[in-house]
Amino acid sequence: MASTADFKNGMCIEYNHGLYFIIDFQHVKPGKGPAFVRTKLKNVKTGKVIDNTFTAGVKVNTARIERRDYQFLYKDELGYNFMDSNTYEQISLQAELIDAPQFLKDGQDVTVVFHAEEELILGCELPNHVILEVTYTEPGLKGDTATNASKPAQLETGAEIQVPLFVNQGDVLKIESQTGAYVERVKK
């Protein structure tokens, strides 16, 4: 059991007969009336995000979750295959359980989230930033930098993102995995 004062981003709670991750929360103390906590909750199974308001101090059941280190091996017709970095046990996950499957590269380390009591896989989280090489992009024109213009680029995983005009084929980029946004070029 936890109180609304214990809320933090990433916390997993039991709500409406389901498991939800707290994506965002805000304690509100209006001038008139009782305090409350405004939250955004993401359903673990469906991925649907809902808004909910809790009265301040209300108790909620928390779900005990574990985060384990896994390594991405390969993709086949069964799904995405991962290996536990400690026990070398392999599991297969569907794309719906993975945050950003388009940025998965062979040998990449990820975190798999489990419901501790049921040993149920809740999801797979990539690191905040991934390093990927550009396999194809149109060449940028010299002097064409008057605005924040961008162009499409194909990455080694097959994903396509928008990059600045100065990025060339063969460049290695740092990409934000949650949004797919270009961060910077990385030296090889």
N, C-alpha and C. Protein backbone atom coordinates (compact mmCIF):
# COMPACT_ATOMS: atom_id res chain seq x y z
N MET A 1 0.84 -1.19 0.00
CA MET A 1 0.00 0.00 0.00
C MET A 1 0.88 1.25 0.00
N ALA A 2 0.45 2.22 -0.75
CA ALA A 2 1.16 3.49 -0.81
C ALA A 2 0.14 4.62 -0.80
N SER A 3 0.59 5.75 -0.33
CA SER A 3 -0.24 6.94 -0.30
C SER A 3 0.05 7.76 -1.55
N THR A 4 -0.80 8.74 -1.83
CA THR A 4 -0.56 9.62 -2.97
C THR A 4 0.72 10.43 -2.79
N ALA A 5 1.17 10.59 -1.55
CA ALA A 5 2.42 11.30 -1.29
C ALA A 5 3.62 10.50 -1.77
N ASP A 6 3.45 9.18 -1.95
CA ASP A 6 4.53 8.30 -2.40
C ASP A 6 4.62 8.19 -3.92
N PHE A 7 3.68 8.79 -4.64
CA PHE A 7 3.67 8.67 -6.10
C PHE A 7 4.97 9.18 -6.70
N LYS A 8 5.45 8.46 -7.73
CA LYS A 8 6.59 8.90 -8.52
C LYS A 8 6.44 8.32 -9.92
N ASN A 9 7.06 8.95 -10.89
CA ASN A 9 6.98 8.48 -12.27
C ASN A 9 7.57 7.08 -12.38
N GLY A 10 6.88 6.20 -13.11
CA GLY A 10 7.35 4.84 -13.30
C GLY A 10 6.80 3.86 -12.28
N MET A 11 6.14 4.36 -11.25
CA MET A 11 5.56 3.49 -10.22
C MET A 11 4.41 2.70 -10.82
N CYS A 12 4.26 1.44 -10.43
CA CYS A 12 3.20 0.58 -10.94
C CYS A 12 2.16 0.39 -9.84
N ILE A 13 0.89 0.73 -10.15
CA ILE A 13 -0.17 0.59 -9.16
C ILE A 13 -1.29 -0.28 -9.71
N GLU A 14 -2.08 -0.83 -8.78
CA GLU A 14 -3.28 -1.58 -9.14
C GLU A 14 -4.45 -0.61 -9.08
N TYR A 15 -5.17 -0.48 -10.19
CA TYR A 15 -6.28 0.47 -10.28
C TYR A 15 -7.32 -0.09 -11.23
N ASN A 16 -8.58 -0.05 -10.84
CA ASN A 16 -9.69 -0.56 -11.68
C ASN A 16 -9.43 -1.97 -12.19
N HIS A 17 -8.99 -2.86 -11.34
CA HIS A 17 -8.73 -4.26 -11.67
C HIS A 17 -7.68 -4.44 -12.75
N GLY A 18 -6.72 -3.54 -12.83
CA GLY A 18 -5.64 -3.65 -13.80
C GLY A 18 -4.37 -3.03 -13.25
N LEU A 19 -3.28 -3.22 -13.98
CA LEU A 19 -2.00 -2.64 -13.60
C LEU A 19 -1.74 -1.40 -14.45
N TYR A 20 -1.29 -0.33 -13.81
CA TYR A 20 -1.03 0.94 -14.48
C TYR A 20 0.31 1.50 -14.03
N PHE A 21 1.06 2.06 -14.98
CA PHE A 21 2.27 2.82 -14.66
C PHE A 21 1.88 4.28 -14.53
N ILE A 22 2.45 4.97 -13.54
CA ILE A 22 2.24 6.40 -13.41
C ILE A 22 3.21 7.08 -14.36
N ILE A 23 2.69 7.77 -15.36
CA ILE A 23 3.52 8.47 -16.33
C ILE A 23 3.84 9.88 -15.83
N ASP A 24 2.82 10.52 -15.27
CA ASP A 24 2.99 11.90 -14.80
C ASP A 24 2.02 12.13 -13.65
N PHE A 25 2.42 12.95 -12.69
CA PHE A 25 1.53 13.29 -11.59
C PHE A 25 1.81 14.70 -11.13
N GLN A 26 0.79 15.30 -10.51
CA GLN A 26 0.93 16.67 -10.04
C GLN A 26 0.07 16.84 -8.79
N HIS A 27 0.70 17.25 -7.69
CA HIS A 27 -0.04 17.55 -6.46
C HIS A 27 -0.64 18.94 -6.60
N VAL A 28 -1.94 19.06 -6.35
CA VAL A 28 -2.62 20.34 -6.49
C VAL A 28 -3.27 20.70 -5.15
N LYS A 29 -2.99 21.90 -4.67
CA LYS A 29 -3.58 22.40 -3.43
C LYS A 29 -4.36 23.66 -3.79
N PRO A 30 -5.65 23.50 -4.09
CA PRO A 30 -6.43 24.68 -4.45
C PRO A 30 -6.67 25.57 -3.22
N GLY A 31 -7.03 26.82 -3.45
CA GLY A 31 -7.29 27.73 -2.34
C GLY A 31 -8.51 27.32 -1.55
N LYS A 32 -9.43 26.66 -2.20
CA LYS A 32 -10.66 26.25 -1.55
C LYS A 32 -10.87 24.76 -1.81
N GLY A 33 -11.16 23.99 -0.81
CA GLY A 33 -11.40 22.57 -0.98
C GLY A 33 -10.17 21.74 -0.65
N PRO A 34 -10.33 20.42 -0.69
CA PRO A 34 -9.22 19.54 -0.33
C PRO A 34 -8.16 19.43 -1.44
N ALA A 35 -6.95 19.06 -1.06
CA ALA A 35 -5.87 18.85 -2.02
C ALA A 35 -6.15 17.56 -2.80
N PHE A 36 -5.58 17.48 -4.00
CA PHE A 36 -5.74 16.27 -4.81
C PHE A 36 -4.50 16.06 -5.67
N VAL A 37 -4.40 14.88 -6.26
CA VAL A 37 -3.27 14.53 -7.12
C VAL A 37 -3.83 14.18 -8.50
N ARG A 38 -3.39 14.94 -9.51
CA ARG A 38 -3.80 14.71 -10.90
C ARG A 38 -2.75 13.80 -11.52
N THR A 39 -3.17 12.69 -12.15
CA THR A 39 -2.22 11.72 -12.71
C THR A 39 -2.56 11.36 -14.15
N LYS A 40 -1.52 10.88 -14.85
CA LYS A 40 -1.68 10.22 -16.15
C LYS A 40 -1.22 8.79 -15.91
N LEU A 41 -2.09 7.84 -16.19
CA LEU A 41 -1.80 6.43 -15.96
C LEU A 41 -1.80 5.68 -17.29
N LYS A 42 -0.81 4.80 -17.46
CA LYS A 42 -0.71 3.99 -18.68
C LYS A 42 -1.03 2.54 -18.34
N ASN A 43 -2.03 1.99 -19.01
CA ASN A 43 -2.41 0.60 -18.79
C ASN A 43 -1.30 -0.31 -19.30
N VAL A 44 -0.86 -1.25 -18.47
CA VAL A 44 0.25 -2.14 -18.82
C VAL A 44 -0.11 -3.03 -20.00
N LYS A 45 -1.33 -3.56 -20.04
CA LYS A 45 -1.70 -4.50 -21.09
C LYS A 45 -2.05 -3.83 -22.40
N THR A 46 -2.83 -2.75 -22.36
CA THR A 46 -3.31 -2.14 -23.60
C THR A 46 -2.45 -0.97 -24.05
N GLY A 47 -1.72 -0.34 -23.13
CA GLY A 47 -0.91 0.82 -23.48
C GLY A 47 -1.70 2.11 -23.51
N LYS A 48 -3.01 2.02 -23.23
CA LYS A 48 -3.88 3.20 -23.25
C LYS A 48 -3.54 4.11 -22.06
N VAL A 49 -3.49 5.41 -22.32
CA VAL A 49 -3.18 6.39 -21.28
C VAL A 49 -4.48 7.07 -20.85
N ILE A 50 -4.74 7.09 -19.53
CA ILE A 50 -5.93 7.75 -19.00
C ILE A 50 -5.52 8.80 -17.99
N ASP A 51 -6.38 9.79 -17.82
CA ASP A 51 -6.20 10.80 -16.78
C ASP A 51 -7.06 10.40 -15.59
N ASN A 52 -6.52 10.56 -14.38
CA ASN A 52 -7.27 10.25 -13.18
C ASN A 52 -6.87 11.21 -12.08
N THR A 53 -7.83 11.51 -11.21
CA THR A 53 -7.58 12.38 -10.08
C THR A 53 -7.81 11.60 -8.79
N PHE A 54 -6.83 11.61 -7.90
CA PHE A 54 -6.92 10.96 -6.60
C PHE A 54 -7.02 12.04 -5.53
N THR A 55 -7.83 11.83 -4.51
CA THR A 55 -7.86 12.72 -3.36
C THR A 55 -6.54 12.55 -2.61
N ALA A 56 -5.98 13.64 -2.12
CA ALA A 56 -4.70 13.57 -1.41
C ALA A 56 -4.82 12.66 -0.20
N GLY A 57 -3.82 11.81 0.00
CA GLY A 57 -3.77 10.92 1.15
C GLY A 57 -4.45 9.58 0.94
N VAL A 58 -5.11 9.38 -0.19
CA VAL A 58 -5.79 8.11 -0.42
C VAL A 58 -4.73 7.01 -0.61
N LYS A 59 -5.07 5.81 -0.17
CA LYS A 59 -4.15 4.67 -0.26
C LYS A 59 -4.45 3.87 -1.53
N VAL A 60 -3.39 3.44 -2.23
CA VAL A 60 -3.53 2.60 -3.42
C VAL A 60 -2.60 1.39 -3.27
N ASN A 61 -2.99 0.30 -3.90
CA ASN A 61 -2.13 -0.89 -3.89
C ASN A 61 -1.04 -0.73 -4.93
N THR A 62 0.18 -1.02 -4.54
CA THR A 62 1.28 -0.96 -5.50
C THR A 62 1.60 -2.37 -5.95
N ALA A 63 2.03 -2.49 -7.19
CA ALA A 63 2.45 -3.78 -7.73
C ALA A 63 3.97 -3.84 -7.63
N ARG A 64 4.47 -4.94 -7.13
CA ARG A 64 5.92 -5.10 -7.01
C ARG A 64 6.45 -5.53 -8.37
N ILE A 65 7.34 -4.71 -8.92
CA ILE A 65 7.91 -5.03 -10.22
C ILE A 65 9.42 -5.16 -10.10
N GLU A 66 9.99 -5.95 -10.99
CA GLU A 66 11.44 -6.14 -11.06
C GLU A 66 11.91 -5.76 -12.44
N ARG A 67 13.08 -5.16 -12.48
CA ARG A 67 13.72 -4.81 -13.76
C ARG A 67 14.95 -5.69 -13.91
N ARG A 68 15.03 -6.42 -15.02
CA ARG A 68 16.15 -7.33 -15.26
C ARG A 68 16.85 -6.96 -16.56
N ASP A 69 18.17 -7.13 -16.57
CA ASP A 69 18.97 -6.82 -17.76
C ASP A 69 18.92 -7.97 -18.75
N TYR A 70 18.59 -7.63 -19.99
CA TYR A 70 18.55 -8.60 -21.08
C TYR A 70 19.32 -8.02 -22.25
N GLN A 71 19.66 -8.90 -23.20
CA GLN A 71 20.36 -8.49 -24.41
C GLN A 71 19.53 -8.94 -25.60
N PHE A 72 19.33 -8.03 -26.57
CA PHE A 72 18.57 -8.37 -27.77
C PHE A 72 19.43 -9.25 -28.67
N LEU A 73 18.86 -10.38 -29.10
CA LEU A 73 19.59 -11.31 -29.96
C LEU A 73 19.20 -11.17 -31.43
N TYR A 74 17.92 -11.42 -31.73
CA TYR A 74 17.47 -11.39 -33.13
C TYR A 74 15.94 -11.34 -33.16
N LYS A 75 15.41 -11.08 -34.35
CA LYS A 75 13.96 -11.07 -34.57
C LYS A 75 13.63 -12.20 -35.54
N ASP A 76 12.58 -12.94 -35.23
CA ASP A 76 12.10 -13.98 -36.13
C ASP A 76 10.57 -13.96 -36.16
N GLU A 77 9.95 -15.02 -36.72
CA GLU A 77 8.49 -15.04 -36.84
C GLU A 77 7.78 -15.13 -35.49
N LEU A 78 8.48 -15.56 -34.43
CA LEU A 78 7.88 -15.63 -33.09
C LEU A 78 7.91 -14.29 -32.38
N GLY A 79 8.75 -13.38 -32.81
CA GLY A 79 8.86 -12.07 -32.18
C GLY A 79 10.31 -11.68 -31.99
N TYR A 80 10.55 -10.85 -30.99
CA TYR A 80 11.90 -10.37 -30.67
C TYR A 80 12.48 -11.25 -29.57
N ASN A 81 13.67 -11.77 -29.80
CA ASN A 81 14.28 -12.71 -28.87
C ASN A 81 15.37 -12.02 -28.05
N PHE A 82 15.31 -12.26 -26.72
CA PHE A 82 16.23 -11.65 -25.78
C PHE A 82 16.86 -12.73 -24.91
N MET A 83 18.05 -12.43 -24.37
CA MET A 83 18.75 -13.35 -23.49
C MET A 83 19.03 -12.64 -22.17
N ASP A 84 18.74 -13.32 -21.05
CA ASP A 84 19.04 -12.80 -19.73
C ASP A 84 20.56 -12.72 -19.58
N SER A 85 21.07 -11.57 -19.21
CA SER A 85 22.51 -11.36 -19.11
C SER A 85 23.15 -12.16 -17.98
N ASN A 86 22.35 -12.60 -16.99
CA ASN A 86 22.91 -13.35 -15.87
C ASN A 86 22.74 -14.86 -16.01
N THR A 87 21.55 -15.31 -16.42
CA THR A 87 21.27 -16.75 -16.47
C THR A 87 21.36 -17.33 -17.88
N TYR A 88 21.47 -16.50 -18.90
CA TYR A 88 21.52 -16.90 -20.31
C TYR A 88 20.22 -17.56 -20.78
N GLU A 89 19.15 -17.38 -20.03
CA GLU A 89 17.83 -17.88 -20.42
C GLU A 89 17.27 -16.96 -21.51
N GLN A 90 16.61 -17.55 -22.51
CA GLN A 90 16.08 -16.76 -23.62
C GLN A 90 14.57 -16.63 -23.53
N ILE A 91 14.07 -15.44 -23.92
CA ILE A 91 12.63 -15.20 -23.98
C ILE A 91 12.31 -14.54 -25.32
N SER A 92 11.04 -14.64 -25.72
CA SER A 92 10.58 -14.02 -26.95
C SER A 92 9.44 -13.06 -26.61
N LEU A 93 9.51 -11.83 -27.12
CA LEU A 93 8.49 -10.82 -26.84
C LEU A 93 7.88 -10.31 -28.14
N GLN A 94 6.61 -9.93 -28.06
CA GLN A 94 5.94 -9.31 -29.19
C GLN A 94 6.26 -7.82 -29.23
N ALA A 95 6.12 -7.19 -30.36
CA ALA A 95 6.47 -5.78 -30.55
C ALA A 95 5.67 -4.85 -29.64
N GLU A 96 4.44 -5.23 -29.27
CA GLU A 96 3.60 -4.38 -28.42
C GLU A 96 4.20 -4.17 -27.04
N LEU A 97 5.01 -5.11 -26.57
CA LEU A 97 5.61 -5.00 -25.24
C LEU A 97 6.90 -4.19 -25.22
N ILE A 98 7.40 -3.82 -26.39
CA ILE A 98 8.69 -3.12 -26.48
C ILE A 98 8.44 -1.65 -26.76
N ASP A 99 9.15 -0.79 -26.01
CA ASP A 99 8.97 0.67 -26.14
C ASP A 99 9.19 1.17 -27.56
N ALA A 100 10.32 0.87 -28.15
CA ALA A 100 10.66 1.36 -29.49
C ALA A 100 11.37 0.26 -30.26
N PRO A 101 10.63 -0.74 -30.77
CA PRO A 101 11.28 -1.87 -31.44
C PRO A 101 12.05 -1.49 -32.69
N GLN A 102 11.71 -0.37 -33.32
CA GLN A 102 12.39 0.05 -34.54
C GLN A 102 13.84 0.44 -34.29
N PHE A 103 14.25 0.67 -33.04
CA PHE A 103 15.62 1.06 -32.73
C PHE A 103 16.44 -0.08 -32.12
N LEU A 104 15.89 -1.30 -32.09
CA LEU A 104 16.63 -2.44 -31.54
C LEU A 104 17.71 -2.90 -32.51
N LYS A 105 18.92 -3.07 -31.99
CA LYS A 105 20.07 -3.52 -32.77
C LYS A 105 20.61 -4.78 -32.11
N ASP A 106 21.10 -5.74 -32.90
CA ASP A 106 21.66 -6.98 -32.35
C ASP A 106 22.70 -6.68 -31.28
N GLY A 107 22.58 -7.36 -30.14
CA GLY A 107 23.54 -7.20 -29.06
C GLY A 107 23.25 -6.04 -28.14
N GLN A 108 22.16 -5.31 -28.37
CA GLN A 108 21.84 -4.14 -27.54
C GLN A 108 21.29 -4.56 -26.19
N ASP A 109 21.71 -3.87 -25.14
CA ASP A 109 21.22 -4.13 -23.78
C ASP A 109 19.91 -3.40 -23.56
N VAL A 110 18.93 -4.09 -22.95
CA VAL A 110 17.63 -3.52 -22.64
C VAL A 110 17.26 -3.93 -21.22
N THR A 111 16.17 -3.36 -20.71
CA THR A 111 15.65 -3.72 -19.40
C THR A 111 14.26 -4.30 -19.59
N VAL A 112 14.04 -5.51 -19.10
CA VAL A 112 12.72 -6.14 -19.18
C VAL A 112 12.07 -6.02 -17.81
N VAL A 113 10.81 -5.54 -17.79
CA VAL A 113 10.08 -5.29 -16.56
C VAL A 113 9.13 -6.46 -16.31
N PHE A 114 9.22 -7.06 -15.10
CA PHE A 114 8.41 -8.20 -14.70
C PHE A 114 7.51 -7.83 -13.53
N HIS A 115 6.30 -8.41 -13.48
CA HIS A 115 5.46 -8.35 -12.29
C HIS A 115 6.01 -9.42 -11.37
N ALA A 116 6.51 -9.04 -10.21
CA ALA A 116 7.28 -9.96 -9.35
C ALA A 116 6.47 -11.14 -8.85
N GLU A 117 5.21 -10.93 -8.46
CA GLU A 117 4.42 -12.03 -7.89
C GLU A 117 4.03 -13.06 -8.95
N GLU A 118 3.71 -12.61 -10.15
CA GLU A 118 3.19 -13.51 -11.18
C GLU A 118 4.22 -13.90 -12.23
N GLU A 119 5.44 -13.31 -12.19
CA GLU A 119 6.47 -13.53 -13.21
C GLU A 119 5.92 -13.22 -14.60
N LEU A 120 5.08 -12.21 -14.68
CA LEU A 120 4.46 -11.78 -15.94
C LEU A 120 5.30 -10.65 -16.51
N ILE A 121 5.61 -10.73 -17.80
CA ILE A 121 6.40 -9.68 -18.46
C ILE A 121 5.48 -8.51 -18.75
N LEU A 122 5.84 -7.33 -18.24
CA LEU A 122 5.03 -6.13 -18.42
C LEU A 122 5.50 -5.28 -19.59
N GLY A 123 6.80 -5.34 -19.88
CA GLY A 123 7.31 -4.53 -20.98
C GLY A 123 8.81 -4.62 -21.10
N CYS A 124 9.32 -3.96 -22.12
CA CYS A 124 10.75 -3.93 -22.40
C CYS A 124 11.15 -2.48 -22.67
N GLU A 125 12.13 -1.98 -21.92
CA GLU A 125 12.56 -0.59 -22.04
C GLU A 125 13.95 -0.52 -22.66
N LEU A 126 14.08 0.32 -23.68
CA LEU A 126 15.39 0.59 -24.27
C LEU A 126 16.09 1.67 -23.45
N PRO A 127 17.40 1.80 -23.59
CA PRO A 127 18.08 2.93 -22.93
C PRO A 127 17.51 4.25 -23.47
N ASN A 128 17.73 5.34 -22.73
CA ASN A 128 17.21 6.65 -23.16
C ASN A 128 17.75 7.06 -24.52
N HIS A 129 19.01 6.72 -24.81
CA HIS A 129 19.62 7.07 -26.10
C HIS A 129 20.23 5.83 -26.72
N VAL A 130 20.09 5.71 -28.04
CA VAL A 130 20.70 4.61 -28.78
C VAL A 130 21.65 5.19 -29.82
N ILE A 131 22.70 4.44 -30.12
CA ILE A 131 23.71 4.86 -31.10
C ILE A 131 23.51 4.00 -32.35
N LEU A 132 23.18 4.64 -33.48
CA LEU A 132 22.92 3.93 -34.72
C LEU A 132 23.58 4.63 -35.90
N GLU A 133 23.91 3.84 -36.93
CA GLU A 133 24.56 4.37 -38.12
C GLU A 133 23.53 4.67 -39.20
N VAL A 134 23.77 5.73 -39.97
CA VAL A 134 22.91 6.11 -41.09
C VAL A 134 23.31 5.25 -42.29
N THR A 135 22.36 4.48 -42.83
CA THR A 135 22.66 3.64 -43.99
C THR A 135 22.32 4.35 -45.30
N TYR A 136 21.33 5.26 -45.26
CA TYR A 136 21.01 6.01 -46.47
C TYR A 136 20.38 7.35 -46.12
N THR A 137 20.84 8.38 -46.79
CA THR A 137 20.21 9.70 -46.74
C THR A 137 20.67 10.49 -47.95
N GLU A 138 19.84 11.40 -48.40
CA GLU A 138 20.21 12.27 -49.52
C GLU A 138 21.33 13.20 -49.06
N PRO A 139 22.26 13.53 -49.95
CA PRO A 139 23.31 14.47 -49.55
C PRO A 139 22.73 15.86 -49.31
N GLY A 140 23.28 16.56 -48.29
CA GLY A 140 22.83 17.91 -47.98
C GLY A 140 23.50 18.91 -48.91
N LEU A 141 22.84 19.99 -49.19
CA LEU A 141 23.40 21.01 -50.06
C LEU A 141 24.19 22.02 -49.23
N LYS A 142 25.33 22.42 -49.72
CA LYS A 142 26.19 23.37 -49.01
C LYS A 142 25.50 24.74 -48.96
N GLY A 143 25.51 25.35 -47.79
CA GLY A 143 24.92 26.67 -47.63
C GLY A 143 23.42 26.65 -47.41
N ASP A 144 22.80 25.47 -47.38
CA ASP A 144 21.35 25.36 -47.20
C ASP A 144 21.03 25.22 -45.71
N THR A 145 21.43 26.22 -44.91
CA THR A 145 21.23 26.12 -43.47
C THR A 145 20.55 27.37 -42.92
N ALA A 146 19.80 28.06 -43.72
CA ALA A 146 19.14 29.29 -43.28
C ALA A 146 18.08 28.99 -42.22
N THR A 147 17.47 27.84 -42.31
CA THR A 147 16.43 27.47 -41.35
C THR A 147 16.79 26.12 -40.72
N ASN A 148 16.01 25.73 -39.76
CA ASN A 148 16.22 24.42 -39.14
C ASN A 148 15.61 23.33 -40.04
N ALA A 149 16.12 23.20 -41.21
CA ALA A 149 15.60 22.23 -42.16
C ALA A 149 16.08 20.83 -41.79
N SER A 150 15.29 19.83 -42.17
CA SER A 150 15.69 18.44 -41.91
C SER A 150 15.37 17.60 -43.13
N LYS A 151 15.91 16.40 -43.12
CA LYS A 151 15.69 15.46 -44.22
C LYS A 151 15.54 14.07 -43.62
N PRO A 152 14.91 13.13 -44.34
CA PRO A 152 14.78 11.77 -43.82
C PRO A 152 16.10 11.00 -43.94
N ALA A 153 16.33 10.12 -42.97
CA ALA A 153 17.51 9.27 -42.99
C ALA A 153 17.12 7.86 -42.57
N GLN A 154 17.66 6.87 -43.28
CA GLN A 154 17.42 5.46 -42.97
C GLN A 154 18.54 4.98 -42.04
N LEU A 155 18.18 4.34 -40.92
CA LEU A 155 19.18 3.85 -39.96
C LEU A 155 19.45 2.38 -40.18
N GLU A 156 20.50 1.86 -39.55
CA GLU A 156 20.89 0.47 -39.74
C GLU A 156 19.84 -0.53 -39.29
N THR A 157 18.91 -0.12 -38.42
CA THR A 157 17.85 -1.02 -37.98
C THR A 157 16.65 -1.00 -38.92
N GLY A 158 16.66 -0.10 -39.91
CA GLY A 158 15.55 0.03 -40.84
C GLY A 158 14.62 1.18 -40.49
N ALA A 159 14.80 1.79 -39.31
CA ALA A 159 13.96 2.91 -38.90
C ALA A 159 14.31 4.14 -39.71
N GLU A 160 13.32 5.01 -39.91
CA GLU A 160 13.54 6.26 -40.63
C GLU A 160 13.23 7.42 -39.69
N ILE A 161 14.16 8.37 -39.58
CA ILE A 161 13.99 9.53 -38.72
C ILE A 161 14.34 10.79 -39.50
N GLN A 162 14.02 11.94 -38.93
CA GLN A 162 14.38 13.23 -39.50
C GLN A 162 15.70 13.69 -38.89
N VAL A 163 16.64 14.12 -39.75
CA VAL A 163 17.96 14.57 -39.29
C VAL A 163 18.28 15.92 -39.93
N PRO A 164 19.23 16.66 -39.35
CA PRO A 164 19.65 17.93 -39.97
C PRO A 164 20.30 17.68 -41.33
N LEU A 165 20.38 18.72 -42.15
CA LEU A 165 20.89 18.60 -43.51
C LEU A 165 22.36 18.19 -43.58
N PHE A 166 23.15 18.49 -42.56
CA PHE A 166 24.58 18.17 -42.60
C PHE A 166 24.91 16.71 -42.34
N VAL A 167 23.96 15.89 -41.94
CA VAL A 167 24.19 14.47 -41.68
C VAL A 167 24.34 13.74 -43.01
N ASN A 168 25.36 12.89 -43.09
CA ASN A 168 25.64 12.15 -44.32
C ASN A 168 25.52 10.64 -44.09
N GLN A 169 25.49 9.90 -45.18
CA GLN A 169 25.48 8.45 -45.11
C GLN A 169 26.77 7.97 -44.45
N GLY A 170 26.64 7.01 -43.52
CA GLY A 170 27.82 6.50 -42.80
C GLY A 170 28.05 7.18 -41.47
N ASP A 171 27.39 8.31 -41.20
CA ASP A 171 27.53 8.98 -39.90
C ASP A 171 26.88 8.12 -38.81
N VAL A 172 27.44 8.18 -37.62
CA VAL A 172 26.88 7.49 -36.46
C VAL A 172 26.18 8.54 -35.60
N LEU A 173 24.90 8.27 -35.28
CA LEU A 173 24.07 9.25 -34.58
C LEU A 173 23.62 8.76 -33.23
N LYS A 174 23.40 9.70 -32.33
CA LYS A 174 22.79 9.43 -31.03
C LYS A 174 21.32 9.81 -31.18
N ILE A 175 20.42 8.86 -30.91
CA ILE A 175 18.99 9.05 -31.11
C ILE A 175 18.29 8.87 -29.76
N GLU A 176 17.31 9.74 -29.47
CA GLU A 176 16.49 9.57 -28.27
C GLU A 176 15.48 8.46 -28.57
N SER A 177 15.51 7.38 -27.79
CA SER A 177 14.70 6.20 -28.12
C SER A 177 13.21 6.41 -27.91
N GLN A 178 12.79 7.26 -26.98
CA GLN A 178 11.37 7.45 -26.73
C GLN A 178 10.68 8.23 -27.84
N THR A 179 11.35 9.26 -28.37
CA THR A 179 10.71 10.12 -29.37
C THR A 179 11.24 9.89 -30.79
N GLY A 180 12.40 9.26 -30.92
CA GLY A 180 13.00 9.07 -32.23
C GLY A 180 13.68 10.33 -32.75
N ALA A 181 13.97 11.26 -31.85
CA ALA A 181 14.56 12.53 -32.25
C ALA A 181 16.08 12.44 -32.33
N TYR A 182 16.65 13.11 -33.33
CA TYR A 182 18.10 13.20 -33.49
C TYR A 182 18.65 14.03 -32.31
N VAL A 183 19.76 13.55 -31.70
CA VAL A 183 20.40 14.28 -30.61
C VAL A 183 21.71 14.89 -31.08
N GLU A 184 22.63 14.04 -31.58
CA GLU A 184 23.92 14.54 -32.04
C GLU A 184 24.63 13.47 -32.87
N ARG A 185 25.70 13.90 -33.57
CA ARG A 185 26.57 12.95 -34.24
C ARG A 185 27.57 12.44 -33.23
N VAL A 186 27.98 11.18 -33.41
CA VAL A 186 28.94 10.55 -32.51
C VAL A 186 30.17 10.17 -33.32
N LYS A 187 31.34 10.37 -32.73
CA LYS A 187 32.58 9.97 -33.42
C LYS A 187 32.66 8.45 -33.44
N LYS A 188 33.12 7.92 -34.56
CA LYS A 188 33.24 6.46 -34.72
C LYS A 188 34.35 5.91 -33.86
